[in-house]
Amino acid sequence: MGQLFFEHKNNKVLPFHKFLLRVFHYFLFSLLLIIFSLGIGTFGYHYFTEISWIDSFYNASMILTGIGPVNEMTTVVVKLFSSFYALFSGIAFLSTVAVIFAPIAHRLLHILHVKENEND
C-alpha cells in the first residue's frame, strides 16, 4: 500500500518527498469524496426537482460549500432531500478537510515527538 498509512511514533520521520506523495494521495481521496458528494446532490436535485443538470450541479455545489440552495424548494419531497443532503454535506465537508490535513498534522506531531525523545 506504500506510504499511505502513518508510521509508528518510534519510526523515523518520513522523508520529505515521500511525505509529499502521501499528502497527494490523501488529497486525491478527498477529491473523490467531494466528487461523490456532488454526484449525490446533482442526481438528487435533478431527479426530485426536475431542473437542468447544470442547475442541479449548481445547487449541490452551493449546499456542499455551505452557502445554501439557489432554487426554491417547493414540494415536501424536495425539501426533505435538500435537508438531508445539507446535513450530509456538512459532514462530508468536515471529513474532507480532516482527510486533507491528517498527514500534515501527523507529521508535525511526529516531528515534535522525535524531538522530545532526543531531549531525554
N, C-alpha and C. Protein backbone atom coordinates (compact mmCIF):
# COMPACT_ATOMS: atom_id res chain seq x y z
N MET A 1 0.83 -1.20 0.00
CA MET A 1 0.00 0.00 0.00
C MET A 1 0.87 1.26 0.00
N GLY A 2 2.16 1.08 0.08
CA GLY A 2 3.04 2.24 0.03
C GLY A 2 3.05 3.02 1.34
N GLN A 3 3.16 4.31 1.24
CA GLN A 3 3.24 5.17 2.42
C GLN A 3 1.93 5.89 2.69
N LEU A 4 0.80 5.22 2.41
CA LEU A 4 -0.49 5.85 2.69
C LEU A 4 -0.78 5.91 4.18
N PHE A 5 -0.37 4.88 4.88
CA PHE A 5 -0.65 4.83 6.31
C PHE A 5 0.51 5.44 7.08
N PHE A 6 0.23 5.86 8.29
CA PHE A 6 1.21 6.59 9.07
C PHE A 6 2.21 5.66 9.74
N GLU A 7 3.44 6.15 9.89
CA GLU A 7 4.46 5.40 10.57
C GLU A 7 4.25 5.48 12.08
N HIS A 8 4.79 4.51 12.76
CA HIS A 8 4.67 4.45 14.22
C HIS A 8 5.53 5.55 14.84
N LYS A 9 5.19 5.94 16.06
CA LYS A 9 5.92 7.03 16.71
C LYS A 9 7.38 6.71 16.95
N ASN A 10 7.75 5.43 17.00
CA ASN A 10 9.15 5.06 17.22
C ASN A 10 9.95 5.04 15.92
N ASN A 11 9.29 5.14 14.77
CA ASN A 11 9.98 5.15 13.48
C ASN A 11 10.52 6.55 13.19
N LYS A 12 11.44 6.60 12.23
CA LYS A 12 11.97 7.90 11.80
C LYS A 12 10.88 8.66 11.05
N VAL A 13 11.07 9.98 11.00
CA VAL A 13 10.16 10.83 10.23
C VAL A 13 10.32 10.49 8.76
N LEU A 14 9.21 10.41 8.07
CA LEU A 14 9.20 10.08 6.65
C LEU A 14 9.98 11.13 5.85
N PRO A 15 10.80 10.71 4.88
CA PRO A 15 11.49 11.71 4.03
C PRO A 15 10.48 12.64 3.35
N PHE A 16 10.93 13.86 3.08
CA PHE A 16 10.01 14.89 2.60
C PHE A 16 9.33 14.52 1.28
N HIS A 17 10.05 13.93 0.33
CA HIS A 17 9.44 13.58 -0.95
C HIS A 17 8.37 12.50 -0.78
N LYS A 18 8.57 11.57 0.15
CA LYS A 18 7.54 10.56 0.42
C LYS A 18 6.35 11.19 1.15
N PHE A 19 6.64 12.17 2.00
CA PHE A 19 5.57 12.90 2.68
C PHE A 19 4.69 13.64 1.67
N LEU A 20 5.32 14.29 0.68
CA LEU A 20 4.55 14.99 -0.35
C LEU A 20 3.69 14.01 -1.15
N LEU A 21 4.20 12.83 -1.42
CA LEU A 21 3.42 11.81 -2.11
C LEU A 21 2.23 11.38 -1.26
N ARG A 22 2.44 11.25 0.04
CA ARG A 22 1.34 10.89 0.94
C ARG A 22 0.27 11.98 0.95
N VAL A 23 0.69 13.23 1.03
CA VAL A 23 -0.26 14.35 1.00
C VAL A 23 -1.05 14.33 -0.30
N PHE A 24 -0.37 14.05 -1.40
CA PHE A 24 -1.04 13.97 -2.70
C PHE A 24 -2.09 12.86 -2.72
N HIS A 25 -1.77 11.70 -2.17
CA HIS A 25 -2.73 10.59 -2.11
C HIS A 25 -3.95 10.96 -1.26
N TYR A 26 -3.71 11.58 -0.14
CA TYR A 26 -4.83 11.98 0.72
C TYR A 26 -5.67 13.07 0.05
N PHE A 27 -5.01 13.97 -0.69
CA PHE A 27 -5.74 14.99 -1.43
C PHE A 27 -6.62 14.35 -2.50
N LEU A 28 -6.08 13.35 -3.21
CA LEU A 28 -6.88 12.65 -4.23
C LEU A 28 -8.09 11.95 -3.60
N PHE A 29 -7.89 11.34 -2.44
CA PHE A 29 -9.01 10.69 -1.77
C PHE A 29 -10.07 11.72 -1.37
N SER A 30 -9.65 12.87 -0.87
CA SER A 30 -10.62 13.90 -0.50
C SER A 30 -11.32 14.46 -1.73
N LEU A 31 -10.62 14.53 -2.86
CA LEU A 31 -11.24 14.95 -4.11
C LEU A 31 -12.33 13.95 -4.53
N LEU A 32 -12.06 12.66 -4.35
CA LEU A 32 -13.07 11.64 -4.64
C LEU A 32 -14.29 11.80 -3.74
N LEU A 33 -14.07 12.13 -2.47
CA LEU A 33 -15.20 12.38 -1.56
C LEU A 33 -16.05 13.56 -2.04
N ILE A 34 -15.39 14.60 -2.50
CA ILE A 34 -16.11 15.78 -3.00
C ILE A 34 -16.90 15.42 -4.26
N ILE A 35 -16.27 14.71 -5.19
CA ILE A 35 -16.96 14.32 -6.42
C ILE A 35 -18.16 13.42 -6.11
N PHE A 36 -17.97 12.47 -5.20
CA PHE A 36 -19.07 11.59 -4.79
C PHE A 36 -20.22 12.40 -4.18
N SER A 37 -19.88 13.33 -3.31
CA SER A 37 -20.89 14.17 -2.66
C SER A 37 -21.62 15.05 -3.66
N LEU A 38 -20.88 15.64 -4.59
CA LEU A 38 -21.51 16.45 -5.63
C LEU A 38 -22.40 15.59 -6.53
N GLY A 39 -21.98 14.36 -6.79
CA GLY A 39 -22.79 13.45 -7.60
C GLY A 39 -24.12 13.14 -6.95
N ILE A 40 -24.11 12.85 -5.65
CA ILE A 40 -25.35 12.59 -4.93
C ILE A 40 -26.29 13.79 -5.03
N GLY A 41 -25.76 14.97 -4.77
CA GLY A 41 -26.58 16.18 -4.81
C GLY A 41 -27.09 16.49 -6.21
N THR A 42 -26.23 16.37 -7.19
CA THR A 42 -26.62 16.68 -8.57
C THR A 42 -27.73 15.75 -9.05
N PHE A 43 -27.53 14.44 -8.85
CA PHE A 43 -28.55 13.49 -9.28
C PHE A 43 -29.84 13.66 -8.48
N GLY A 44 -29.72 13.92 -7.18
CA GLY A 44 -30.91 14.11 -6.35
C GLY A 44 -31.72 15.33 -6.76
N TYR A 45 -31.04 16.45 -6.95
CA TYR A 45 -31.76 17.65 -7.36
C TYR A 45 -32.36 17.50 -8.75
N HIS A 46 -31.64 16.87 -9.65
CA HIS A 46 -32.17 16.67 -11.00
C HIS A 46 -33.39 15.75 -10.97
N TYR A 47 -33.34 14.71 -10.18
CA TYR A 47 -34.43 13.74 -10.12
C TYR A 47 -35.66 14.32 -9.40
N PHE A 48 -35.44 14.93 -8.24
CA PHE A 48 -36.56 15.39 -7.42
C PHE A 48 -37.14 16.73 -7.86
N THR A 49 -36.31 17.64 -8.33
CA THR A 49 -36.81 18.98 -8.67
C THR A 49 -37.06 19.14 -10.16
N GLU A 50 -36.53 18.21 -10.95
CA GLU A 50 -36.68 18.25 -12.41
C GLU A 50 -36.11 19.53 -13.01
N ILE A 51 -35.02 20.02 -12.43
CA ILE A 51 -34.32 21.17 -13.01
C ILE A 51 -33.17 20.63 -13.87
N SER A 52 -32.55 21.49 -14.64
CA SER A 52 -31.49 21.06 -15.56
C SER A 52 -30.30 20.51 -14.78
N TRP A 53 -29.44 19.80 -15.50
CA TRP A 53 -28.26 19.21 -14.87
C TRP A 53 -27.34 20.29 -14.32
N ILE A 54 -27.17 21.37 -15.06
CA ILE A 54 -26.26 22.43 -14.60
C ILE A 54 -26.82 23.13 -13.37
N ASP A 55 -28.14 23.34 -13.32
CA ASP A 55 -28.75 23.94 -12.13
C ASP A 55 -28.69 22.99 -10.95
N SER A 56 -28.82 21.69 -11.21
CA SER A 56 -28.71 20.69 -10.15
C SER A 56 -27.29 20.69 -9.58
N PHE A 57 -26.31 20.74 -10.47
CA PHE A 57 -24.91 20.80 -10.04
C PHE A 57 -24.64 22.08 -9.24
N TYR A 58 -25.21 23.17 -9.72
CA TYR A 58 -25.04 24.46 -9.04
C TYR A 58 -25.63 24.41 -7.63
N ASN A 59 -26.84 23.88 -7.50
CA ASN A 59 -27.46 23.74 -6.18
C ASN A 59 -26.63 22.85 -5.27
N ALA A 60 -26.17 21.71 -5.79
CA ALA A 60 -25.38 20.78 -4.98
C ALA A 60 -24.07 21.44 -4.54
N SER A 61 -23.44 22.19 -5.42
CA SER A 61 -22.20 22.87 -5.08
C SER A 61 -22.42 23.92 -3.99
N MET A 62 -23.49 24.66 -4.13
CA MET A 62 -23.77 25.71 -3.15
C MET A 62 -24.09 25.12 -1.77
N ILE A 63 -24.81 24.01 -1.75
CA ILE A 63 -25.11 23.37 -0.46
C ILE A 63 -23.84 22.76 0.13
N LEU A 64 -23.04 22.10 -0.70
CA LEU A 64 -21.83 21.44 -0.21
C LEU A 64 -20.85 22.44 0.39
N THR A 65 -20.79 23.63 -0.15
CA THR A 65 -19.88 24.65 0.38
C THR A 65 -20.50 25.44 1.53
N GLY A 66 -21.74 25.17 1.84
CA GLY A 66 -22.38 25.83 2.98
C GLY A 66 -23.07 27.14 2.66
N ILE A 67 -23.16 27.50 1.41
CA ILE A 67 -23.79 28.77 1.03
C ILE A 67 -25.31 28.65 1.06
N GLY A 68 -25.83 27.53 0.58
CA GLY A 68 -27.27 27.31 0.59
C GLY A 68 -27.83 27.10 -0.79
N PRO A 69 -29.08 26.65 -0.86
CA PRO A 69 -29.68 26.35 -2.16
C PRO A 69 -29.96 27.63 -2.96
N VAL A 70 -29.96 27.47 -4.29
CA VAL A 70 -30.22 28.59 -5.18
C VAL A 70 -31.69 28.60 -5.59
N ASN A 71 -32.19 27.44 -5.98
CA ASN A 71 -33.58 27.33 -6.41
C ASN A 71 -34.49 27.13 -5.21
N GLU A 72 -35.74 27.57 -5.36
CA GLU A 72 -36.71 27.39 -4.29
C GLU A 72 -37.17 25.95 -4.26
N MET A 73 -37.24 25.39 -3.06
CA MET A 73 -37.72 24.02 -2.87
C MET A 73 -39.21 24.08 -2.58
N THR A 74 -40.02 23.50 -3.47
CA THR A 74 -41.47 23.70 -3.37
C THR A 74 -42.23 22.52 -2.79
N THR A 75 -41.79 21.30 -3.03
CA THR A 75 -42.55 20.14 -2.54
C THR A 75 -41.91 19.58 -1.28
N VAL A 76 -42.69 18.77 -0.58
CA VAL A 76 -42.21 18.16 0.66
C VAL A 76 -41.02 17.24 0.38
N VAL A 77 -41.10 16.44 -0.69
CA VAL A 77 -40.03 15.51 -1.03
C VAL A 77 -38.73 16.26 -1.32
N VAL A 78 -38.83 17.34 -2.07
CA VAL A 78 -37.65 18.13 -2.40
C VAL A 78 -37.07 18.77 -1.14
N LYS A 79 -37.92 19.27 -0.27
CA LYS A 79 -37.45 19.87 0.97
C LYS A 79 -36.76 18.84 1.85
N LEU A 80 -37.30 17.62 1.90
CA LEU A 80 -36.66 16.56 2.69
C LEU A 80 -35.31 16.18 2.10
N PHE A 81 -35.27 16.00 0.77
CA PHE A 81 -33.99 15.68 0.14
C PHE A 81 -32.98 16.79 0.40
N SER A 82 -33.38 18.02 0.23
CA SER A 82 -32.48 19.15 0.43
C SER A 82 -31.98 19.21 1.87
N SER A 83 -32.85 18.92 2.82
CA SER A 83 -32.46 18.93 4.23
C SER A 83 -31.44 17.84 4.53
N PHE A 84 -31.73 16.63 4.08
CA PHE A 84 -30.80 15.53 4.35
C PHE A 84 -29.48 15.70 3.59
N TYR A 85 -29.56 16.24 2.39
CA TYR A 85 -28.33 16.50 1.64
C TYR A 85 -27.49 17.57 2.34
N ALA A 86 -28.15 18.58 2.91
CA ALA A 86 -27.41 19.62 3.63
C ALA A 86 -26.72 19.04 4.86
N LEU A 87 -27.40 18.15 5.59
CA LEU A 87 -26.77 17.50 6.75
C LEU A 87 -25.59 16.64 6.31
N PHE A 88 -25.80 15.86 5.25
CA PHE A 88 -24.73 15.03 4.70
C PHE A 88 -23.56 15.90 4.25
N SER A 89 -23.86 17.02 3.61
CA SER A 89 -22.81 17.90 3.09
C SER A 89 -21.94 18.48 4.20
N GLY A 90 -22.56 18.82 5.31
CA GLY A 90 -21.78 19.33 6.43
C GLY A 90 -20.77 18.32 6.93
N ILE A 91 -21.22 17.08 7.05
CA ILE A 91 -20.32 16.01 7.50
C ILE A 91 -19.26 15.72 6.42
N ALA A 92 -19.68 15.69 5.17
CA ALA A 92 -18.74 15.41 4.07
C ALA A 92 -17.67 16.49 3.98
N PHE A 93 -18.07 17.75 4.15
CA PHE A 93 -17.10 18.85 4.08
C PHE A 93 -16.08 18.75 5.21
N LEU A 94 -16.55 18.51 6.42
CA LEU A 94 -15.63 18.39 7.56
C LEU A 94 -14.72 17.18 7.40
N SER A 95 -15.26 16.09 6.89
CA SER A 95 -14.45 14.89 6.67
C SER A 95 -13.38 15.14 5.63
N THR A 96 -13.73 15.85 4.59
CA THR A 96 -12.76 16.16 3.53
C THR A 96 -11.61 17.01 4.08
N VAL A 97 -11.95 18.00 4.88
CA VAL A 97 -10.91 18.85 5.48
C VAL A 97 -10.02 18.01 6.40
N ALA A 98 -10.62 17.12 7.17
CA ALA A 98 -9.84 16.26 8.07
C ALA A 98 -8.90 15.35 7.28
N VAL A 99 -9.37 14.79 6.17
CA VAL A 99 -8.53 13.91 5.36
C VAL A 99 -7.36 14.69 4.77
N ILE A 100 -7.60 15.90 4.32
CA ILE A 100 -6.53 16.70 3.72
C ILE A 100 -5.46 17.05 4.76
N PHE A 101 -5.88 17.41 5.98
CA PHE A 101 -4.92 17.85 6.98
C PHE A 101 -4.34 16.75 7.85
N ALA A 102 -4.86 15.53 7.75
CA ALA A 102 -4.37 14.43 8.59
C ALA A 102 -2.88 14.17 8.42
N PRO A 103 -2.35 14.03 7.19
CA PRO A 103 -0.91 13.76 7.10
C PRO A 103 -0.04 14.92 7.57
N ILE A 104 -0.53 16.14 7.41
CA ILE A 104 0.23 17.31 7.85
C ILE A 104 0.28 17.35 9.37
N ALA A 105 -0.87 17.13 10.01
CA ALA A 105 -0.91 17.12 11.47
C ALA A 105 -0.08 15.97 12.03
N HIS A 106 -0.15 14.81 11.38
CA HIS A 106 0.63 13.67 11.85
C HIS A 106 2.12 13.95 11.77
N ARG A 107 2.55 14.54 10.67
CA ARG A 107 3.98 14.83 10.51
C ARG A 107 4.44 15.82 11.57
N LEU A 108 3.66 16.86 11.81
CA LEU A 108 4.02 17.84 12.83
C LEU A 108 4.13 17.18 14.21
N LEU A 109 3.14 16.37 14.56
CA LEU A 109 3.18 15.70 15.86
C LEU A 109 4.32 14.69 15.93
N HIS A 110 4.59 14.01 14.82
CA HIS A 110 5.69 13.05 14.78
C HIS A 110 7.02 13.75 14.98
N ILE A 111 7.22 14.88 14.32
CA ILE A 111 8.47 15.64 14.48
C ILE A 111 8.62 16.11 15.92
N LEU A 112 7.55 16.60 16.51
CA LEU A 112 7.60 17.05 17.90
C LEU A 112 7.92 15.89 18.84
N HIS A 113 7.37 14.72 18.55
CA HIS A 113 7.63 13.55 19.39
C HIS A 113 9.09 13.12 19.26
N VAL A 114 9.62 13.12 18.05
CA VAL A 114 11.01 12.74 17.84
C VAL A 114 11.93 13.71 18.57
N LYS A 115 11.67 15.00 18.48
CA LYS A 115 12.50 16.00 19.16
C LYS A 115 12.40 15.85 20.67
N GLU A 116 11.21 15.47 21.16
CA GLU A 116 11.02 15.27 22.58
C GLU A 116 11.87 14.09 23.05
N ASN A 117 11.90 13.01 22.26
CA ASN A 117 12.69 11.84 22.61
C ASN A 117 14.19 12.11 22.55
N GLU A 118 14.62 12.99 21.66
CA GLU A 118 16.05 13.34 21.57
C GLU A 118 16.51 14.09 22.80
N ASN A 119 15.61 14.83 23.44
CA ASN A 119 15.97 15.60 24.63
C ASN A 119 16.06 14.72 25.87
N ASP A 120 15.48 13.54 25.84
CA ASP A 120 15.51 12.66 27.03
C ASP A 120 16.86 12.06 27.27
